[in-house]
């Protein structure tokens, strides 16, 4: 996913590459995630809709664009955020596109 953000291209996420609004929002959300030291910092940014995912062993998510289901999934640790698993999920809340 970092390749998608930095170059605008990635074979895994082809369907998002042409959506300029989504790509801009993705880069913005990723930057907030990268610059945050703690997950509580993300909670204060309302448009990200940060949430801990239950039953996922420390995974959390933030929304990319209001009105779309795609979310960035990442791992959260006691000491803060470590971006080890970074994935776009479009099945949030049971949405099966």
C-alpha atoms as a PDB file:
ATOM      1  CA  UNK A   1       0.000   0.000   0.000  1.00  0.00           C
ATOM      2  CA  UNK A   2       2.916   2.364   0.618  1.00  0.00           C
ATOM      3  CA  UNK A   3       3.814   1.943  -3.047  1.00  0.00           C
ATOM      4  CA  UNK A   4       0.287   3.030  -3.992  1.00  0.00           C
ATOM      5  CA  UNK A   5       0.584   6.161  -1.864  1.00  0.00           C
ATOM      6  CA  UNK A   6       4.087   7.158  -2.961  1.00  0.00           C
ATOM      7  CA  UNK A   7       3.934   6.294  -6.675  1.00  0.00           C
ATOM      8  CA  UNK A   8       0.196   6.228  -7.360  1.00  0.00           C
ATOM      9  CA  UNK A   9       0.512   2.693  -8.726  1.00  0.00           C
ATOM     10  CA  UNK A  10       0.145  -0.809  -7.292  1.00  0.00           C
ATOM     11  CA  UNK A  11      -1.175  -3.928  -8.995  1.00  0.00           C
ATOM     12  CA  UNK A  12      -3.029  -5.088  -5.868  1.00  0.00           C
ATOM     13  CA  UNK A  13      -5.030  -1.864  -5.619  1.00  0.00           C
ATOM     14  CA  UNK A  14      -5.681  -1.101  -9.309  1.00  0.00           C
ATOM     15  CA  UNK A  15      -9.305  -0.086  -8.789  1.00  0.00           C
ATOM     16  CA  UNK A  16      -8.293   2.849  -6.562  1.00  0.00           C
ATOM     17  CA  UNK A  17      -5.567   4.347  -8.773  1.00  0.00           C
ATOM     18  CA  UNK A  18      -7.941   6.364 -11.000  1.00  0.00           C
ATOM     19  CA  UNK A  19     -10.006   7.828  -8.167  1.00  0.00           C
ATOM     20  CA  UNK A  20      -8.156  11.093  -7.425  1.00  0.00           C
ATOM     21  CA  UNK A  21     -10.366  11.973  -4.446  1.00  0.00           C
ATOM     22  CA  UNK A  22      -9.667   8.588  -2.878  1.00  0.00           C
ATOM     23  CA  UNK A  23      -5.924   8.764  -3.545  1.00  0.00           C
ATOM     24  CA  UNK A  24      -5.668  12.219  -1.960  1.00  0.00           C
ATOM     25  CA  UNK A  25      -7.678  11.085   1.084  1.00  0.00           C
ATOM     26  CA  UNK A  26      -5.553   7.916   1.350  1.00  0.00           C
ATOM     27  CA  UNK A  27      -2.337   9.934   1.451  1.00  0.00           C
ATOM     28  CA  UNK A  28      -3.828  12.277   4.073  1.00  0.00           C
ATOM     29  CA  UNK A  29      -5.036   9.425   6.307  1.00  0.00           C
ATOM     30  CA  UNK A  30      -1.709   7.610   5.961  1.00  0.00           C
ATOM     31  CA  UNK A  31       0.208  10.737   6.948  1.00  0.00           C
ATOM     32  CA  UNK A  32      -1.940  11.204  10.056  1.00  0.00           C
ATOM     33  CA  UNK A  33      -1.317   7.560  10.929  1.00  0.00           C
ATOM     34  CA  UNK A  34       2.418   7.819  10.340  1.00  0.00           C
ATOM     35  CA  UNK A  35       2.806  11.025  12.361  1.00  0.00           C
ATOM     36  CA  UNK A  36       0.712   9.909  15.340  1.00  0.00           C
ATOM     37  CA  UNK A  37       2.620   8.623  18.334  1.00  0.00           C
ATOM     38  CA  UNK A  38      -0.395   7.066  20.055  1.00  0.00           C
ATOM     39  CA  UNK A  39      -3.755   5.777  18.943  1.00  0.00           C
ATOM     40  CA  UNK A  40      -5.443   8.322  21.200  1.00  0.00           C
ATOM     41  CA  UNK A  41      -4.084  10.994  18.837  1.00  0.00           C
ATOM     42  CA  UNK A  42      -6.125   9.434  16.019  1.00  0.00           C
ATOM     43  CA  UNK A  43      -9.292   9.435  18.114  1.00  0.00           C
ATOM     44  CA  UNK A  44      -9.199  13.238  18.254  1.00  0.00           C
ATOM     45  CA  UNK A  45      -9.308  13.496  14.422  1.00  0.00           C
ATOM     46  CA  UNK A  46     -13.002  12.866  13.905  1.00  0.00           C
ATOM     47  CA  UNK A  47     -13.075  12.275  10.124  1.00  0.00           C
ATOM     48  CA  UNK A  48     -10.750   9.261  10.484  1.00  0.00           C
ATOM     49  CA  UNK A  49     -13.322   7.367  12.584  1.00  0.00           C
ATOM     50  CA  UNK A  50     -10.592   5.461  14.415  1.00  0.00           C
ATOM     51  CA  UNK A  51     -11.647   2.193  16.027  1.00  0.00           C
ATOM     52  CA  UNK A  52     -10.046  -0.853  17.595  1.00  0.00           C
ATOM     53  CA  UNK A  53     -11.196  -4.011  15.845  1.00  0.00           C
ATOM     54  CA  UNK A  54     -12.534  -6.600  18.239  1.00  0.00           C
ATOM     55  CA  UNK A  55     -11.128 -10.115  18.123  1.00  0.00           C
ATOM     56  CA  UNK A  56      -8.194  -9.165  15.898  1.00  0.00           C
ATOM     57  CA  UNK A  57      -5.306  -9.255  18.363  1.00  0.00           C
ATOM     58  CA  UNK A  58      -4.355  -5.571  18.380  1.00  0.00           C
ATOM     59  CA  UNK A  59      -5.512  -4.424  14.958  1.00  0.00           C
ATOM     60  CA  UNK A  60      -7.181  -1.070  14.533  1.00  0.00           C
ATOM     61  CA  UNK A  61      -8.558   0.870  11.590  1.00  0.00           C
ATOM     62  CA  UNK A  62      -9.150   4.373  10.297  1.00  0.00           C
ATOM     63  CA  UNK A  63     -11.484   5.467   7.524  1.00  0.00           C
ATOM     64  CA  UNK A  64     -10.027   6.747   4.275  1.00  0.00           C
ATOM     65  CA  UNK A  65     -13.008   8.694   2.830  1.00  0.00           C
ATOM     66  CA  UNK A  66     -16.358   9.589   4.385  1.00  0.00           C
ATOM     67  CA  UNK A  67     -19.108   7.741   2.539  1.00  0.00           C
ATOM     68  CA  UNK A  68     -16.861   4.867   1.479  1.00  0.00           C
ATOM     69  CA  UNK A  69     -16.206   1.662   3.428  1.00  0.00           C
ATOM     70  CA  UNK A  70     -12.477   1.399   2.713  1.00  0.00           C
ATOM     71  CA  UNK A  71     -10.365   1.552   5.860  1.00  0.00           C
ATOM     72  CA  UNK A  72      -6.647   1.340   6.602  1.00  0.00           C
ATOM     73  CA  UNK A  73      -5.921  -1.599   8.898  1.00  0.00           C
ATOM     74  CA  UNK A  74      -2.854  -1.392  11.170  1.00  0.00           C
ATOM     75  CA  UNK A  75      -1.481  -2.852  14.420  1.00  0.00           C
ATOM     76  CA  UNK A  76      -1.540  -0.980  17.664  1.00  0.00           C
ATOM     77  CA  UNK A  77       0.786  -1.699  20.579  1.00  0.00           C
ATOM     78  CA  UNK A  78       0.980  -0.658  24.229  1.00  0.00           C
ATOM     79  CA  UNK A  79       3.729   1.862  23.470  1.00  0.00           C
ATOM     80  CA  UNK A  80       1.963   3.394  20.498  1.00  0.00           C
ATOM     81  CA  UNK A  81       1.379   2.623  16.840  1.00  0.00           C
ATOM     82  CA  UNK A  82       3.616   0.424  14.759  1.00  0.00           C
ATOM     83  CA  UNK A  83       2.663   0.220  11.116  1.00  0.00           C
ATOM     84  CA  UNK A  84       3.420  -3.437  10.478  1.00  0.00           C
ATOM     85  CA  UNK A  85       0.199  -4.559   8.843  1.00  0.00           C
ATOM     86  CA  UNK A  86      -1.024  -2.002   6.408  1.00  0.00           C
ATOM     87  CA  UNK A  87      -3.949  -3.001   4.263  1.00  0.00           C
ATOM     88  CA  UNK A  88      -7.048  -1.541   2.682  1.00  0.00           C
ATOM     89  CA  UNK A  89     -10.213  -3.302   3.734  1.00  0.00           C
ATOM     90  CA  UNK A  90     -13.484  -2.826   1.863  1.00  0.00           C
ATOM     91  CA  UNK A  91     -15.498  -5.439   3.775  1.00  0.00           C
ATOM     92  CA  UNK A  92     -16.010  -3.281   6.856  1.00  0.00           C
ATOM     93  CA  UNK A  93     -19.373  -3.765   8.562  1.00  0.00           C
ATOM     94  CA  UNK A  94     -20.085  -6.785   6.403  1.00  0.00           C
ATOM     95  CA  UNK A  95     -20.034  -4.909   3.102  1.00  0.00           C
ATOM     96  CA  UNK A  96     -19.229  -7.449   0.398  1.00  0.00           C
ATOM     97  CA  UNK A  97     -18.582  -5.467  -2.793  1.00  0.00           C
END
